[in-house]
Amino acid sequence: MRFALLWFAAFVSTTILDIFWARYTLAVSEKRRLPAAIWSSAISAAGSVAMATYFEDRWLMTAGVAGAFAGTWIGTKTMKVE
């Protein structure tokens, strides 16, 4: 049960991290400094949480890979690019 909770935490934190990366990339490409800086800070915080979960067990990297896929898919699907 503990592994399942850690796997879920790693998945969610990596998904959120990749959504933040997608938003950051869009803000940078549109040369919006303040939003890019805010997303950059959020990336740092979410990345710390994601990496902390991986130290527990290397098998949690599978959750990171799945979360990265899901986060990029969600992040790019919900972006409004003109």
N, C-alpha and C. Protein backbone atom coordinates (compact mmCIF):
# COMPACT_ATOMS: atom_id res chain seq x y z
N MET A 1 0.82 -1.20 0.00
CA MET A 1 0.00 0.00 0.00
C MET A 1 0.86 1.27 0.00
N ARG A 2 1.94 1.24 0.76
CA ARG A 2 2.82 2.41 0.83
C ARG A 2 3.44 2.70 -0.53
N PHE A 3 3.86 1.64 -1.25
CA PHE A 3 4.44 1.84 -2.57
C PHE A 3 3.43 2.47 -3.52
N ALA A 4 2.19 2.03 -3.45
CA ALA A 4 1.14 2.58 -4.33
C ALA A 4 0.95 4.08 -4.06
N LEU A 5 0.97 4.47 -2.81
CA LEU A 5 0.82 5.90 -2.49
C LEU A 5 2.02 6.70 -2.99
N LEU A 6 3.21 6.15 -2.81
CA LEU A 6 4.41 6.83 -3.31
C LEU A 6 4.40 6.91 -4.83
N TRP A 7 3.95 5.84 -5.49
CA TRP A 7 3.88 5.83 -6.96
C TRP A 7 2.90 6.91 -7.42
N PHE A 8 1.76 6.98 -6.76
CA PHE A 8 0.76 7.99 -7.11
C PHE A 8 1.31 9.39 -6.89
N ALA A 9 2.01 9.60 -5.79
CA ALA A 9 2.60 10.91 -5.50
C ALA A 9 3.63 11.29 -6.55
N ALA A 10 4.46 10.33 -6.96
CA ALA A 10 5.46 10.59 -8.00
C ALA A 10 4.79 10.90 -9.33
N PHE A 11 3.74 10.17 -9.66
CA PHE A 11 3.01 10.39 -10.90
C PHE A 11 2.40 11.79 -10.94
N VAL A 12 1.70 12.14 -9.87
CA VAL A 12 1.02 13.44 -9.82
C VAL A 12 2.03 14.59 -9.84
N SER A 13 3.09 14.47 -9.05
CA SER A 13 4.06 15.57 -9.00
C SER A 13 4.77 15.75 -10.33
N THR A 14 5.06 14.66 -11.03
CA THR A 14 5.71 14.78 -12.34
C THR A 14 4.74 15.29 -13.39
N THR A 15 3.47 14.89 -13.29
CA THR A 15 2.46 15.42 -14.21
C THR A 15 2.36 16.93 -14.05
N ILE A 16 2.27 17.38 -12.82
CA ILE A 16 2.19 18.82 -12.55
C ILE A 16 3.45 19.53 -13.04
N LEU A 17 4.60 18.91 -12.81
CA LEU A 17 5.86 19.49 -13.25
C LEU A 17 5.87 19.70 -14.77
N ASP A 18 5.42 18.72 -15.51
CA ASP A 18 5.41 18.87 -16.98
C ASP A 18 4.39 19.88 -17.47
N ILE A 19 3.27 19.99 -16.79
CA ILE A 19 2.30 21.03 -17.14
C ILE A 19 2.94 22.40 -16.94
N PHE A 20 3.66 22.55 -15.81
CA PHE A 20 4.36 23.81 -15.56
C PHE A 20 5.38 24.09 -16.64
N TRP A 21 6.12 23.08 -17.08
CA TRP A 21 7.11 23.27 -18.14
C TRP A 21 6.45 23.75 -19.44
N ALA A 22 5.31 23.16 -19.77
CA ALA A 22 4.61 23.57 -20.99
C ALA A 22 4.19 25.03 -20.89
N ARG A 23 3.68 25.43 -19.74
CA ARG A 23 3.27 26.83 -19.54
C ARG A 23 4.48 27.77 -19.57
N TYR A 24 5.57 27.34 -18.97
CA TYR A 24 6.80 28.13 -18.97
C TYR A 24 7.30 28.34 -20.41
N THR A 25 7.33 27.28 -21.18
CA THR A 25 7.80 27.36 -22.56
C THR A 25 6.95 28.32 -23.37
N LEU A 26 5.64 28.27 -23.18
CA LEU A 26 4.74 29.19 -23.89
C LEU A 26 5.01 30.64 -23.47
N ALA A 27 5.17 30.87 -22.17
CA ALA A 27 5.43 32.24 -21.69
C ALA A 27 6.75 32.77 -22.25
N VAL A 28 7.77 31.94 -22.30
CA VAL A 28 9.07 32.37 -22.84
C VAL A 28 8.95 32.66 -24.33
N SER A 29 8.25 31.79 -25.06
CA SER A 29 8.12 32.00 -26.51
C SER A 29 7.34 33.27 -26.83
N GLU A 30 6.46 33.67 -25.91
CA GLU A 30 5.70 34.91 -26.10
C GLU A 30 6.39 36.11 -25.46
N LYS A 31 7.58 35.90 -24.93
CA LYS A 31 8.40 36.94 -24.29
C LYS A 31 7.66 37.65 -23.15
N ARG A 32 6.93 36.87 -22.36
CA ARG A 32 6.26 37.40 -21.19
C ARG A 32 7.13 37.08 -19.98
N ARG A 33 7.86 38.08 -19.50
CA ARG A 33 8.87 37.86 -18.47
C ARG A 33 8.30 37.42 -17.13
N LEU A 34 7.33 38.14 -16.61
CA LEU A 34 6.81 37.82 -15.29
C LEU A 34 6.15 36.43 -15.24
N PRO A 35 5.26 36.10 -16.18
CA PRO A 35 4.70 34.74 -16.15
C PRO A 35 5.78 33.66 -16.29
N ALA A 36 6.78 33.92 -17.12
CA ALA A 36 7.86 32.94 -17.28
C ALA A 36 8.63 32.76 -15.97
N ALA A 37 8.87 33.85 -15.27
CA ALA A 37 9.58 33.77 -13.99
C ALA A 37 8.75 33.02 -12.94
N ILE A 38 7.46 33.26 -12.94
CA ILE A 38 6.58 32.57 -11.99
C ILE A 38 6.54 31.07 -12.29
N TRP A 39 6.39 30.71 -13.57
CA TRP A 39 6.39 29.29 -13.94
C TRP A 39 7.73 28.65 -13.63
N SER A 40 8.82 29.39 -13.79
CA SER A 40 10.14 28.86 -13.47
C SER A 40 10.25 28.52 -11.99
N SER A 41 9.74 29.38 -11.14
CA SER A 41 9.75 29.11 -9.70
C SER A 41 8.88 27.89 -9.37
N ALA A 42 7.74 27.79 -10.02
CA ALA A 42 6.86 26.65 -9.79
C ALA A 42 7.53 25.35 -10.24
N ILE A 43 8.28 25.41 -11.34
CA ILE A 43 9.01 24.24 -11.82
C ILE A 43 10.03 23.79 -10.79
N SER A 44 10.72 24.73 -10.21
CA SER A 44 11.72 24.40 -9.19
C SER A 44 11.08 23.71 -7.99
N ALA A 45 9.96 24.22 -7.54
CA ALA A 45 9.27 23.63 -6.39
C ALA A 45 8.73 22.23 -6.72
N ALA A 46 8.05 22.11 -7.85
CA ALA A 46 7.47 20.82 -8.23
C ALA A 46 8.56 19.80 -8.52
N GLY A 47 9.66 20.25 -9.11
CA GLY A 47 10.78 19.34 -9.38
C GLY A 47 11.39 18.79 -8.11
N SER A 48 11.46 19.60 -7.09
CA SER A 48 11.99 19.15 -5.81
C SER A 48 11.12 18.05 -5.21
N VAL A 49 9.82 18.23 -5.29
CA VAL A 49 8.89 17.22 -4.77
C VAL A 49 9.01 15.93 -5.58
N ALA A 50 9.05 16.07 -6.90
CA ALA A 50 9.14 14.89 -7.76
C ALA A 50 10.43 14.11 -7.48
N MET A 51 11.55 14.81 -7.40
CA MET A 51 12.82 14.14 -7.18
C MET A 51 12.90 13.51 -5.79
N ALA A 52 12.28 14.13 -4.81
CA ALA A 52 12.30 13.57 -3.46
C ALA A 52 11.62 12.21 -3.42
N THR A 53 10.58 12.02 -4.23
CA THR A 53 9.89 10.73 -4.23
C THR A 53 10.75 9.63 -4.87
N TYR A 54 11.60 9.98 -5.82
CA TYR A 54 12.43 8.98 -6.49
C TYR A 54 13.49 8.38 -5.58
N PHE A 55 13.92 9.10 -4.56
CA PHE A 55 14.95 8.59 -3.67
C PHE A 55 14.46 7.41 -2.85
N GLU A 56 13.17 7.30 -2.70
CA GLU A 56 12.56 6.24 -1.91
C GLU A 56 12.78 4.87 -2.57
N ASP A 57 12.55 4.80 -3.88
CA ASP A 57 12.64 3.53 -4.60
C ASP A 57 12.82 3.84 -6.08
N ARG A 58 13.77 3.19 -6.71
CA ARG A 58 14.03 3.47 -8.14
C ARG A 58 12.87 3.08 -9.04
N TRP A 59 12.03 2.16 -8.60
CA TRP A 59 10.88 1.78 -9.41
C TRP A 59 9.87 2.91 -9.54
N LEU A 60 10.00 3.91 -8.70
CA LEU A 60 9.11 5.07 -8.79
C LEU A 60 9.41 5.90 -10.04
N MET A 61 10.55 5.64 -10.68
CA MET A 61 10.85 6.33 -11.94
C MET A 61 9.80 6.00 -13.00
N THR A 62 9.17 4.81 -12.90
CA THR A 62 8.11 4.48 -13.86
C THR A 62 6.95 5.46 -13.72
N ALA A 63 6.67 5.86 -12.50
CA ALA A 63 5.62 6.87 -12.28
C ALA A 63 6.05 8.21 -12.86
N GLY A 64 7.34 8.53 -12.75
CA GLY A 64 7.86 9.77 -13.31
C GLY A 64 7.73 9.81 -14.83
N VAL A 65 8.03 8.69 -15.46
CA VAL A 65 7.92 8.61 -16.92
C VAL A 65 6.46 8.75 -17.35
N ALA A 66 5.58 8.03 -16.67
CA ALA A 66 4.14 8.12 -16.99
C ALA A 66 3.61 9.53 -16.71
N GLY A 67 4.05 10.12 -15.62
CA GLY A 67 3.62 11.48 -15.28
C GLY A 67 4.12 12.51 -16.27
N ALA A 68 5.35 12.32 -16.76
CA ALA A 68 5.90 13.23 -17.76
C ALA A 68 5.07 13.19 -19.05
N PHE A 69 4.71 11.99 -19.46
CA PHE A 69 3.88 11.85 -20.65
C PHE A 69 2.53 12.54 -20.45
N ALA A 70 1.89 12.23 -19.33
CA ALA A 70 0.56 12.79 -19.05
C ALA A 70 0.63 14.32 -18.92
N GLY A 71 1.64 14.82 -18.24
CA GLY A 71 1.76 16.26 -18.04
C GLY A 71 1.98 17.02 -19.33
N THR A 72 2.83 16.48 -20.20
CA THR A 72 3.06 17.14 -21.48
C THR A 72 1.81 17.10 -22.34
N TRP A 73 1.12 15.97 -22.34
CA TRP A 73 -0.10 15.86 -23.13
C TRP A 73 -1.16 16.84 -22.63
N ILE A 74 -1.37 16.88 -21.32
CA ILE A 74 -2.37 17.79 -20.74
C ILE A 74 -1.95 19.24 -20.95
N GLY A 75 -0.68 19.53 -20.69
CA GLY A 75 -0.19 20.90 -20.81
C GLY A 75 -0.33 21.47 -22.21
N THR A 76 0.00 20.66 -23.21
CA THR A 76 -0.09 21.15 -24.59
C THR A 76 -1.53 21.14 -25.10
N LYS A 77 -2.34 20.23 -24.62
CA LYS A 77 -3.74 20.18 -25.05
C LYS A 77 -4.54 21.36 -24.54
N THR A 78 -4.21 21.85 -23.34
CA THR A 78 -4.99 22.93 -22.75
C THR A 78 -4.44 24.31 -23.08
N MET A 79 -3.30 24.40 -23.74
CA MET A 79 -2.73 25.71 -24.07
C MET A 79 -3.46 26.32 -25.26
N LYS A 80 -3.62 27.62 -25.19
CA LYS A 80 -4.24 28.35 -26.29
C LYS A 80 -3.14 29.12 -27.03
N VAL A 81 -2.67 28.55 -28.11
CA VAL A 81 -1.61 29.17 -28.89
C VAL A 81 -2.25 29.88 -30.07
N GLU A 82 -1.82 31.11 -30.27
CA GLU A 82 -2.39 31.90 -31.39
C GLU A 82 -1.50 31.85 -32.59
